[in-house]
Amino acid sequence: MLSMEQIREARDFIAEKTQHRPTVGLILGSGLGTLADEIENAVVIPYSEIPYFAKSEAIGHANELVIGELKGKTVAAMKGRFHYYEGFSLPEVTFPVRVMKALGVENVIITNACGAVNTSFNPGELMLITDHINLVGSNPLIGPNNDELGVRFPDASEVYNRKLRELASSVAAEQGTKLQQGVYAWWSGPAYETPAEIRMIRTLGGDAVGMSTVPESLVAVHGGMKVLGISCLTNMACGILDQPLSHDEVIEVAAQVREKFVGLVKGVLERM
């Protein structure tokens, strides 16, 4: 686990770059980073400049922290995230969440592009995450616990905040956006799942599968933040359709659903 000194060093570096004091964090997944372009009075800080921040090599991730105003809220948006499959440790993957908390963030909206396991879902739809299944066999909270950051054994009965989920559902209904709800399964990647593994995930109760989100959500809850999780369903998971999977498809469908996604997040922020 990265130390409190490292968290404070990163926090202080960011705070010196802007007068904004964010209360809402946004973690924007593959192809969804354009929401950050709508932030007003924005200060853009490359990850490479922030102490102890990693840098993602994943396609569709800009590696920038954008801080400013969006729909009346002061936000800190991660335009791109770090992934366990890139070789980063889970403390490295979740370090920005710790820094967000140190900056004063109270609510975090975590997004991703993922595959639909539930056969009643369709590519191009959005899914509200109601719960998750950790299939990776690790946890970002493993190791010595720092009581300044959170309790040793945090409750995980409601990782994805019920009131924020109800708010998102209400906003989606008002906007005429179909919003599926389901359980997100975290897969390490970088290889996509096999058809047999998708059958396993469906049997276990997973509705969608992806390679992110769960570590950040657990650390956010550990730190006392409220989490809203939204998935962009970019493809049917392996074995459902008789066709191979590709990251190009993920980026393409994420671009197609971008307007609905941006509208939903902005609507939630406006009423948060």
C-alpha atoms as a PDB file:
ATOM      1  CA  MET A   1       0.000   0.000   0.000  1.00  0.00           C
ATOM      2  CA  LEU A   2       1.246   3.478  -0.874  1.00  0.00           C
ATOM      3  CA  SER A   3       1.841   5.607   2.204  1.00  0.00           C
ATOM      4  CA  MET A   4      -0.093   8.567   3.600  1.00  0.00           C
ATOM      5  CA  GLU A   5       2.919  10.702   2.783  1.00  0.00           C
ATOM      6  CA  GLN A   6       2.691   9.739  -0.885  1.00  0.00           C
ATOM      7  CA  ILE A   7      -1.062  10.382  -0.937  1.00  0.00           C
ATOM      8  CA  ARG A   8      -0.573  13.807   0.624  1.00  0.00           C
ATOM      9  CA  GLU A   9       2.266  14.647  -1.753  1.00  0.00           C
ATOM     10  CA  ALA A  10       0.055  13.898  -4.759  1.00  0.00           C
ATOM     11  CA  ARG A  11      -2.865  15.778  -3.188  1.00  0.00           C
ATOM     12  CA  ASP A  12      -0.746  18.836  -2.482  1.00  0.00           C
ATOM     13  CA  PHE A  13       0.698  18.840  -6.001  1.00  0.00           C
ATOM     14  CA  ILE A  14      -2.815  18.823  -7.494  1.00  0.00           C
ATOM     15  CA  ALA A  15      -4.126  21.427  -5.047  1.00  0.00           C
ATOM     16  CA  GLU A  16      -1.335  23.802  -6.050  1.00  0.00           C
ATOM     17  CA  LYS A  17      -2.417  23.570  -9.701  1.00  0.00           C
ATOM     18  CA  THR A  18      -6.027  24.666  -9.173  1.00  0.00           C
ATOM     19  CA  GLN A  19      -8.312  26.636  -6.883  1.00  0.00           C
ATOM     20  CA  HIS A  20     -11.077  24.083  -7.457  1.00  0.00           C
ATOM     21  CA  ARG A  21     -11.832  21.759  -4.559  1.00  0.00           C
ATOM     22  CA  PRO A  22     -13.683  18.761  -6.023  1.00  0.00           C
ATOM     23  CA  THR A  23     -16.452  16.933  -4.191  1.00  0.00           C
ATOM     24  CA  VAL A  24     -17.303  14.490  -6.991  1.00  0.00           C
ATOM     25  CA  GLY A  25     -14.868  12.115  -8.691  1.00  0.00           C
ATOM     26  CA  LEU A  26     -15.355  10.694 -12.187  1.00  0.00           C
ATOM     27  CA  ILE A  27     -13.435   7.664 -13.457  1.00  0.00           C
ATOM     28  CA  LEU A  28     -13.987   7.435 -17.198  1.00  0.00           C
ATOM     29  CA  GLY A  29     -13.495   4.123 -18.979  1.00  0.00           C
ATOM     30  CA  SER A  30     -12.518   3.135 -22.519  1.00  0.00           C
ATOM     31  CA  GLY A  31     -13.948   5.526 -25.103  1.00  0.00           C
ATOM     32  CA  LEU A  32     -15.894   7.511 -22.489  1.00  0.00           C
ATOM     33  CA  GLY A  33     -13.306  10.176 -21.686  1.00  0.00           C
ATOM     34  CA  THR A  34     -15.011  12.859 -23.795  1.00  0.00           C
ATOM     35  CA  LEU A  35     -17.233  13.722 -20.832  1.00  0.00           C
ATOM     36  CA  ALA A  36     -14.169  15.418 -19.351  1.00  0.00           C
ATOM     37  CA  ASP A  37     -14.089  17.747 -22.369  1.00  0.00           C
ATOM     38  CA  GLU A  38     -17.333  19.331 -21.149  1.00  0.00           C
ATOM     39  CA  ILE A  39     -15.868  20.380 -17.800  1.00  0.00           C
ATOM     40  CA  GLU A  40     -15.808  24.188 -17.517  1.00  0.00           C
ATOM     41  CA  ASN A  41     -12.951  26.318 -16.151  1.00  0.00           C
ATOM     42  CA  ALA A  42     -10.919  23.164 -16.355  1.00  0.00           C
ATOM     43  CA  VAL A  43      -7.398  22.544 -15.209  1.00  0.00           C
ATOM     44  CA  VAL A  44      -5.814  19.594 -17.019  1.00  0.00           C
ATOM     45  CA  ILE A  45      -2.951  17.761 -15.321  1.00  0.00           C
ATOM     46  CA  PRO A  46      -1.153  14.908 -17.146  1.00  0.00           C
ATOM     47  CA  TYR A  47      -0.758  11.822 -14.987  1.00  0.00           C
ATOM     48  CA  SER A  48       2.948  11.883 -15.774  1.00  0.00           C
ATOM     49  CA  GLU A  49       3.287  15.059 -13.703  1.00  0.00           C
ATOM     50  CA  ILE A  50       1.415  13.854 -10.620  1.00  0.00           C
ATOM     51  CA  PRO A  51       3.612  12.132  -8.023  1.00  0.00           C
ATOM     52  CA  TYR A  52       3.103   8.343  -7.884  1.00  0.00           C
ATOM     53  CA  PHE A  53       0.410   8.282 -10.587  1.00  0.00           C
ATOM     54  CA  ALA A  54       0.848   5.477 -13.107  1.00  0.00           C
ATOM     55  CA  LYS A  55       0.248   5.828 -16.840  1.00  0.00           C
ATOM     56  CA  SER A  56      -2.109   3.577 -18.773  1.00  0.00           C
ATOM     57  CA  GLU A  57      -1.116   2.247 -22.166  1.00  0.00           C
ATOM     58  CA  ALA A  58      -4.682   1.116 -22.900  1.00  0.00           C
ATOM     59  CA  ILE A  59      -6.290   2.425 -26.088  1.00  0.00           C
ATOM     60  CA  GLY A  60      -8.872   5.133 -25.404  1.00  0.00           C
ATOM     61  CA  HIS A  61      -7.265   6.402 -22.192  1.00  0.00           C
ATOM     62  CA  ALA A  62      -5.811   9.936 -22.309  1.00  0.00           C
ATOM     63  CA  ASN A  63      -3.933   9.832 -18.977  1.00  0.00           C
ATOM     64  CA  GLU A  64      -5.149  13.212 -17.737  1.00  0.00           C
ATOM     65  CA  LEU A  65      -6.778  14.459 -14.556  1.00  0.00           C
ATOM     66  CA  VAL A  66      -9.310  17.193 -15.365  1.00  0.00           C
ATOM     67  CA  ILE A  67     -10.614  19.376 -12.523  1.00  0.00           C
ATOM     68  CA  GLY A  68     -13.330  22.003 -12.896  1.00  0.00           C
ATOM     69  CA  GLU A  69     -17.079  22.630 -12.916  1.00  0.00           C
ATOM     70  CA  LEU A  70     -19.776  20.428 -14.437  1.00  0.00           C
ATOM     71  CA  LYS A  71     -23.493  20.943 -13.893  1.00  0.00           C
ATOM     72  CA  GLY A  72     -22.929  22.974 -10.744  1.00  0.00           C
ATOM     73  CA  LYS A  73     -20.564  20.484  -9.146  1.00  0.00           C
ATOM     74  CA  THR A  74     -16.813  20.705  -8.727  1.00  0.00           C
ATOM     75  CA  VAL A  75     -15.433  17.504 -10.217  1.00  0.00           C
ATOM     76  CA  ALA A  76     -12.138  15.678 -10.609  1.00  0.00           C
ATOM     77  CA  ALA A  77     -12.289  13.482 -13.709  1.00  0.00           C
ATOM     78  CA  MET A  78      -9.845  10.720 -14.544  1.00  0.00           C
ATOM     79  CA  LYS A  79      -9.648  10.730 -18.328  1.00  0.00           C
ATOM     80  CA  GLY A  80      -8.419   7.168 -18.430  1.00  0.00           C
ATOM     81  CA  ARG A  81      -7.628   4.663 -15.697  1.00  0.00           C
ATOM     82  CA  PHE A  82      -4.989   2.089 -14.787  1.00  0.00           C
ATOM     83  CA  HIS A  83      -5.638  -1.629 -15.136  1.00  0.00           C
ATOM     84  CA  TYR A  84      -4.436  -4.639 -13.188  1.00  0.00           C
ATOM     85  CA  TYR A  85      -3.734  -6.424 -16.493  1.00  0.00           C
ATOM     86  CA  GLU A  86      -1.158  -3.778 -17.434  1.00  0.00           C
ATOM     87  CA  GLY A  87       1.038  -5.050 -14.627  1.00  0.00           C
ATOM     88  CA  PHE A  88       0.243  -2.390 -12.057  1.00  0.00           C
ATOM     89  CA  SER A  89      -0.271  -3.449  -8.458  1.00  0.00           C
ATOM     90  CA  LEU A  90      -3.759  -2.924  -7.036  1.00  0.00           C
ATOM     91  CA  PRO A  91      -2.465  -0.127  -4.753  1.00  0.00           C
ATOM     92  CA  GLU A  92      -1.185   1.602  -7.910  1.00  0.00           C
ATOM     93  CA  VAL A  93      -4.495   1.024  -9.717  1.00  0.00           C
ATOM     94  CA  THR A  94      -6.457   2.563  -6.847  1.00  0.00           C
ATOM     95  CA  PHE A  95      -4.028   5.285  -5.776  1.00  0.00           C
ATOM     96  CA  PRO A  96      -5.988   8.044  -7.601  1.00  0.00           C
ATOM     97  CA  VAL A  97      -9.068   7.143  -5.562  1.00  0.00           C
ATOM     98  CA  ARG A  98      -7.086   7.676  -2.352  1.00  0.00           C
ATOM     99  CA  VAL A  99      -5.927  11.033  -3.684  1.00  0.00           C
ATOM    100  CA  MET A 100      -9.488  12.019  -4.625  1.00  0.00           C
ATOM    101  CA  LYS A 101     -10.559  11.313  -1.064  1.00  0.00           C
ATOM    102  CA  ALA A 102      -7.681  13.423   0.259  1.00  0.00           C
ATOM    103  CA  LEU A 103      -8.807  16.271  -2.025  1.00  0.00           C
ATOM    104  CA  GLY A 104     -12.291  16.204  -0.485  1.00  0.00           C
ATOM    105  CA  VAL A 105     -14.227  13.998  -2.917  1.00  0.00           C
ATOM    106  CA  GLU A 106     -17.322  12.474  -1.317  1.00  0.00           C
ATOM    107  CA  ASN A 107     -19.056  10.764  -4.266  1.00  0.00           C
ATOM    108  CA  VAL A 108     -17.431   8.809  -7.097  1.00  0.00           C
ATOM    109  CA  ILE A 109     -19.020   7.903 -10.436  1.00  0.00           C
ATOM    110  CA  ILE A 110     -17.085   4.967 -11.869  1.00  0.00           C
ATOM    111  CA  THR A 111     -17.658   3.948 -15.484  1.00  0.00           C
ATOM    112  CA  ASN A 112     -16.420   1.241 -17.795  1.00  0.00           C
ATOM    113  CA  ALA A 113     -16.922  -0.394 -21.156  1.00  0.00           C
ATOM    114  CA  CYS A 114     -17.688  -4.090 -20.772  1.00  0.00           C
ATOM    115  CA  GLY A 115     -19.265  -7.197 -22.267  1.00  0.00           C
ATOM    116  CA  ALA A 116     -22.858  -8.278 -21.721  1.00  0.00           C
ATOM    117  CA  VAL A 117     -23.273 -11.730 -20.194  1.00  0.00           C
ATOM    118  CA  ASN A 118     -27.035 -11.460 -19.671  1.00  0.00           C
ATOM    119  CA  THR A 119     -28.534 -12.449 -23.024  1.00  0.00           C
ATOM    120  CA  SER A 120     -31.470 -10.053 -22.567  1.00  0.00           C
ATOM    121  CA  PHE A 121     -29.007  -7.131 -22.781  1.00  0.00           C
ATOM    122  CA  ASN A 122     -27.821  -5.568 -26.041  1.00  0.00           C
ATOM    123  CA  PRO A 123     -24.647  -3.782 -27.152  1.00  0.00           C
ATOM    124  CA  GLY A 124     -25.058  -0.030 -26.927  1.00  0.00           C
ATOM    125  CA  GLU A 125     -27.117  -0.139 -23.732  1.00  0.00           C
ATOM    126  CA  LEU A 126     -26.047   1.247 -20.355  1.00  0.00           C
ATOM    127  CA  MET A 127     -26.091  -0.858 -17.188  1.00  0.00           C
ATOM    128  CA  LEU A 128     -26.347   0.399 -13.646  1.00  0.00           C
ATOM    129  CA  ILE A 129     -24.078  -1.720 -11.462  1.00  0.00           C
ATOM    130  CA  THR A 130     -26.021  -3.089  -8.498  1.00  0.00           C
ATOM    131  CA  ASP A 131     -23.279  -5.366  -7.150  1.00  0.00           C
ATOM    132  CA  HIS A 132     -20.098  -7.083  -8.263  1.00  0.00           C
ATOM    133  CA  ILE A 133     -18.310 -10.422  -8.262  1.00  0.00           C
ATOM    134  CA  ASN A 134     -14.539 -10.426  -7.781  1.00  0.00           C
ATOM    135  CA  LEU A 135     -13.120 -13.222  -9.945  1.00  0.00           C
ATOM    136  CA  VAL A 136      -9.500 -12.072  -9.845  1.00  0.00           C
ATOM    137  CA  GLY A 137      -8.495 -13.698  -6.571  1.00  0.00           C
ATOM    138  CA  SER A 138      -7.004 -10.538  -5.108  1.00  0.00           C
ATOM    139  CA  ASN A 139      -8.207  -7.430  -3.324  1.00  0.00           C
ATOM    140  CA  PRO A 140      -6.801  -3.885  -3.183  1.00  0.00           C
ATOM    141  CA  LEU A 141      -7.139  -3.848   0.612  1.00  0.00           C
ATOM    142  CA  ILE A 142      -4.783  -6.784   1.202  1.00  0.00           C
ATOM    143  CA  GLY A 143      -1.829  -5.815   3.368  1.00  0.00           C
ATOM    144  CA  PRO A 144      -1.373  -3.705   6.496  1.00  0.00           C
ATOM    145  CA  ASN A 145      -4.389  -1.481   7.126  1.00  0.00           C
ATOM    146  CA  ASN A 146      -3.976   2.241   7.702  1.00  0.00           C
ATOM    147  CA  ASP A 147      -6.786   3.341  10.019  1.00  0.00           C
ATOM    148  CA  GLU A 148      -6.505   6.868   8.621  1.00  0.00           C
ATOM    149  CA  LEU A 149      -7.749   5.510   5.305  1.00  0.00           C
ATOM    150  CA  GLY A 150     -10.495   3.192   6.550  1.00  0.00           C
ATOM    151  CA  VAL A 151     -11.383   0.288   8.804  1.00  0.00           C
ATOM    152  CA  ARG A 152      -9.645  -3.089   8.590  1.00  0.00           C
ATOM    153  CA  PHE A 153     -12.822  -4.975   7.617  1.00  0.00           C
ATOM    154  CA  PRO A 154     -15.083  -2.667   5.592  1.00  0.00           C
ATOM    155  CA  ASP A 155     -18.701  -3.641   4.965  1.00  0.00           C
ATOM    156  CA  ALA A 156     -19.395  -4.544   1.330  1.00  0.00           C
ATOM    157  CA  SER A 157     -23.145  -5.125   1.527  1.00  0.00           C
ATOM    158  CA  GLU A 158     -23.813  -1.942  -0.483  1.00  0.00           C
ATOM    159  CA  VAL A 159     -20.720  -1.035  -2.474  1.00  0.00           C
ATOM    160  CA  TYR A 160     -22.847   0.746  -5.092  1.00  0.00           C
ATOM    161  CA  ASN A 161     -24.903   3.298  -3.182  1.00  0.00           C
ATOM    162  CA  ARG A 162     -28.636   2.643  -3.272  1.00  0.00           C
ATOM    163  CA  LYS A 163     -29.681   6.312  -3.256  1.00  0.00           C
ATOM    164  CA  LEU A 164     -27.324   7.146  -6.110  1.00  0.00           C
ATOM    165  CA  ARG A 165     -28.674   4.156  -8.049  1.00  0.00           C
ATOM    166  CA  GLU A 166     -32.231   5.360  -7.510  1.00  0.00           C
ATOM    167  CA  LEU A 167     -31.227   8.838  -8.664  1.00  0.00           C
ATOM    168  CA  ALA A 168     -29.584   7.463 -11.821  1.00  0.00           C
ATOM    169  CA  SER A 169     -32.654   5.338 -12.595  1.00  0.00           C
ATOM    170  CA  SER A 170     -34.905   8.373 -12.211  1.00  0.00           C
ATOM    171  CA  VAL A 171     -32.706  10.528 -14.463  1.00  0.00           C
ATOM    172  CA  ALA A 172     -32.521   7.800 -17.121  1.00  0.00           C
ATOM    173  CA  ALA A 173     -36.309   7.440 -17.139  1.00  0.00           C
ATOM    174  CA  GLU A 174     -36.751  11.196 -17.544  1.00  0.00           C
ATOM    175  CA  GLN A 175     -34.249  11.222 -20.431  1.00  0.00           C
ATOM    176  CA  GLY A 176     -35.823   8.230 -22.135  1.00  0.00           C
ATOM    177  CA  THR A 177     -32.625   6.231 -21.806  1.00  0.00           C
ATOM    178  CA  LYS A 178     -32.929   2.495 -21.295  1.00  0.00           C
ATOM    179  CA  LEU A 179     -30.858   1.645 -18.239  1.00  0.00           C
ATOM    180  CA  GLN A 180     -30.289  -2.010 -17.505  1.00  0.00           C
ATOM    181  CA  GLN A 181     -29.345  -3.084 -13.981  1.00  0.00           C
ATOM    182  CA  GLY A 182     -27.081  -5.933 -13.067  1.00  0.00           C
ATOM    183  CA  VAL A 183     -24.059  -7.513 -11.432  1.00  0.00           C
ATOM    184  CA  TYR A 184     -20.610  -6.723 -12.817  1.00  0.00           C
ATOM    185  CA  ALA A 185     -17.988  -9.491 -12.795  1.00  0.00           C
ATOM    186  CA  TRP A 186     -14.354  -8.383 -12.595  1.00  0.00           C
ATOM    187  CA  TRP A 187     -12.014 -10.336 -14.871  1.00  0.00           C
ATOM    188  CA  SER A 188      -8.271  -9.719 -14.787  1.00  0.00           C
ATOM    189  CA  GLY A 189      -7.693  -9.733 -18.554  1.00  0.00           C
ATOM    190  CA  PRO A 190      -5.993  -8.910 -20.810  1.00  0.00           C
ATOM    191  CA  ALA A 191      -7.321 -11.964 -22.687  1.00  0.00           C
ATOM    192  CA  TYR A 192     -11.073 -11.941 -23.113  1.00  0.00           C
ATOM    193  CA  GLU A 193     -13.004 -14.697 -21.380  1.00  0.00           C
ATOM    194  CA  THR A 194     -13.564 -18.086 -22.984  1.00  0.00           C
ATOM    195  CA  PRO A 195     -17.116 -19.300 -23.738  1.00  0.00           C
ATOM    196  CA  ALA A 196     -16.840 -21.726 -20.801  1.00  0.00           C
ATOM    197  CA  GLU A 197     -15.793 -18.912 -18.483  1.00  0.00           C
ATOM    198  CA  ILE A 198     -18.766 -16.821 -19.626  1.00  0.00           C
ATOM    199  CA  ARG A 199     -21.090 -19.724 -18.833  1.00  0.00           C
ATOM    200  CA  MET A 200     -19.507 -19.891 -15.382  1.00  0.00           C
ATOM    201  CA  ILE A 201     -19.990 -16.149 -14.840  1.00  0.00           C
ATOM    202  CA  ARG A 202     -23.651 -16.390 -15.865  1.00  0.00           C
ATOM    203  CA  THR A 203     -24.152 -19.327 -13.493  1.00  0.00           C
ATOM    204  CA  LEU A 204     -22.591 -17.311 -10.665  1.00  0.00           C
ATOM    205  CA  GLY A 205     -25.027 -14.451 -11.277  1.00  0.00           C
ATOM    206  CA  GLY A 206     -22.965 -12.051 -13.383  1.00  0.00           C
ATOM    207  CA  ASP A 207     -24.768  -9.889 -15.931  1.00  0.00           C
ATOM    208  CA  ALA A 208     -21.701  -8.202 -17.418  1.00  0.00           C
ATOM    209  CA  VAL A 209     -17.956  -8.737 -17.357  1.00  0.00           C
ATOM    210  CA  GLY A 210     -15.056  -6.311 -17.543  1.00  0.00           C
ATOM    211  CA  MET A 211     -11.465  -5.668 -16.492  1.00  0.00           C
ATOM    212  CA  SER A 212     -11.792  -2.711 -14.100  1.00  0.00           C
ATOM    213  CA  THR A 213     -14.054  -0.873 -11.631  1.00  0.00           C
ATOM    214  CA  VAL A 214     -14.106  -3.339  -8.728  1.00  0.00           C
ATOM    215  CA  PRO A 215     -10.729  -2.311  -7.211  1.00  0.00           C
ATOM    216  CA  GLU A 216     -11.598   1.407  -7.375  1.00  0.00           C
ATOM    217  CA  SER A 217     -15.057   0.788  -5.930  1.00  0.00           C
ATOM    218  CA  LEU A 218     -13.725  -1.205  -2.973  1.00  0.00           C
ATOM    219  CA  VAL A 219     -11.120   1.437  -2.131  1.00  0.00           C
ATOM    220  CA  ALA A 220     -13.695   4.224  -2.440  1.00  0.00           C
ATOM    221  CA  VAL A 221     -16.009   2.461  -0.008  1.00  0.00           C
ATOM    222  CA  HIS A 222     -13.079   1.742   2.305  1.00  0.00           C
ATOM    223  CA  GLY A 223     -12.424   5.482   2.333  1.00  0.00           C
ATOM    224  CA  GLY A 224     -16.044   6.347   3.156  1.00  0.00           C
ATOM    225  CA  MET A 225     -17.048   7.574  -0.298  1.00  0.00           C
ATOM    226  CA  LYS A 226     -20.338   6.798  -2.040  1.00  0.00           C
ATOM    227  CA  VAL A 227     -20.058   4.982  -5.367  1.00  0.00           C
ATOM    228  CA  LEU A 228     -22.230   4.987  -8.479  1.00  0.00           C
ATOM    229  CA  GLY A 229     -21.176   2.457 -11.124  1.00  0.00           C
ATOM    230  CA  ILE A 230     -22.289   2.676 -14.767  1.00  0.00           C
ATOM    231  CA  SER A 231     -21.263   0.236 -17.490  1.00  0.00           C
ATOM    232  CA  CYS A 232     -21.440   0.758 -21.230  1.00  0.00           C
ATOM    233  CA  LEU A 233     -22.293  -2.608 -22.760  1.00  0.00           C
ATOM    234  CA  THR A 234     -20.154  -2.606 -25.896  1.00  0.00           C
ATOM    235  CA  ASN A 235     -20.470  -6.229 -27.008  1.00  0.00           C
ATOM    236  CA  MET A 236     -21.993  -9.566 -26.166  1.00  0.00           C
ATOM    237  CA  ALA A 237     -19.531 -11.634 -24.153  1.00  0.00           C
ATOM    238  CA  CYS A 238     -17.586 -14.480 -25.731  1.00  0.00           C
ATOM    239  CA  GLY A 239     -19.600 -17.461 -26.977  1.00  0.00           C
ATOM    240  CA  ILE A 240     -22.983 -15.715 -27.067  1.00  0.00           C
ATOM    241  CA  LEU A 241     -22.576 -14.719 -30.701  1.00  0.00           C
ATOM    242  CA  ASP A 242     -20.520 -16.686 -33.181  1.00  0.00           C
ATOM    243  CA  GLN A 243     -17.874 -14.017 -33.696  1.00  0.00           C
ATOM    244  CA  PRO A 244     -14.500 -13.050 -32.194  1.00  0.00           C
ATOM    245  CA  LEU A 245     -14.095 -10.103 -29.813  1.00  0.00           C
ATOM    246  CA  SER A 246     -11.924  -7.060 -30.420  1.00  0.00           C
ATOM    247  CA  HIS A 247     -11.065  -3.862 -28.574  1.00  0.00           C
ATOM    248  CA  ASP A 248     -11.843  -1.891 -31.735  1.00  0.00           C
ATOM    249  CA  GLU A 249     -15.473  -2.926 -31.316  1.00  0.00           C
ATOM    250  CA  VAL A 250     -15.406  -1.746 -27.701  1.00  0.00           C
ATOM    251  CA  ILE A 251     -14.192   1.722 -28.702  1.00  0.00           C
ATOM    252  CA  GLU A 252     -16.616   1.933 -31.644  1.00  0.00           C
ATOM    253  CA  VAL A 253     -19.736   1.079 -29.629  1.00  0.00           C
ATOM    254  CA  ALA A 254     -18.654   3.292 -26.728  1.00  0.00           C
ATOM    255  CA  ALA A 255     -18.525   6.171 -29.211  1.00  0.00           C
ATOM    256  CA  GLN A 256     -22.030   5.358 -30.431  1.00  0.00           C
ATOM    257  CA  VAL A 257     -23.491   5.408 -26.922  1.00  0.00           C
ATOM    258  CA  ARG A 258     -21.480   8.441 -25.815  1.00  0.00           C
ATOM    259  CA  GLU A 259     -24.360  10.927 -26.046  1.00  0.00           C
ATOM    260  CA  LYS A 260     -26.627   8.818 -23.824  1.00  0.00           C
ATOM    261  CA  PHE A 261     -23.822   8.214 -21.352  1.00  0.00           C
ATOM    262  CA  VAL A 262     -22.814  11.879 -21.117  1.00  0.00           C
ATOM    263  CA  GLY A 263     -26.436  12.948 -20.737  1.00  0.00           C
ATOM    264  CA  LEU A 264     -27.033  10.474 -17.925  1.00  0.00           C
ATOM    265  CA  VAL A 265     -23.939  11.449 -15.929  1.00  0.00           C
ATOM    266  CA  LYS A 266     -24.639  15.165 -16.356  1.00  0.00           C
ATOM    267  CA  GLY A 267     -28.246  14.632 -15.255  1.00  0.00           C
ATOM    268  CA  VAL A 268     -27.086  12.764 -12.147  1.00  0.00           C
ATOM    269  CA  LEU A 269     -24.568  15.485 -11.300  1.00  0.00           C
ATOM    270  CA  GLU A 270     -27.207  18.177 -11.654  1.00  0.00           C
ATOM    271  CA  ARG A 271     -29.435  16.492  -9.068  1.00  0.00           C
ATOM    272  CA  MET A 272     -26.762  15.028  -6.805  1.00  0.00           C
END
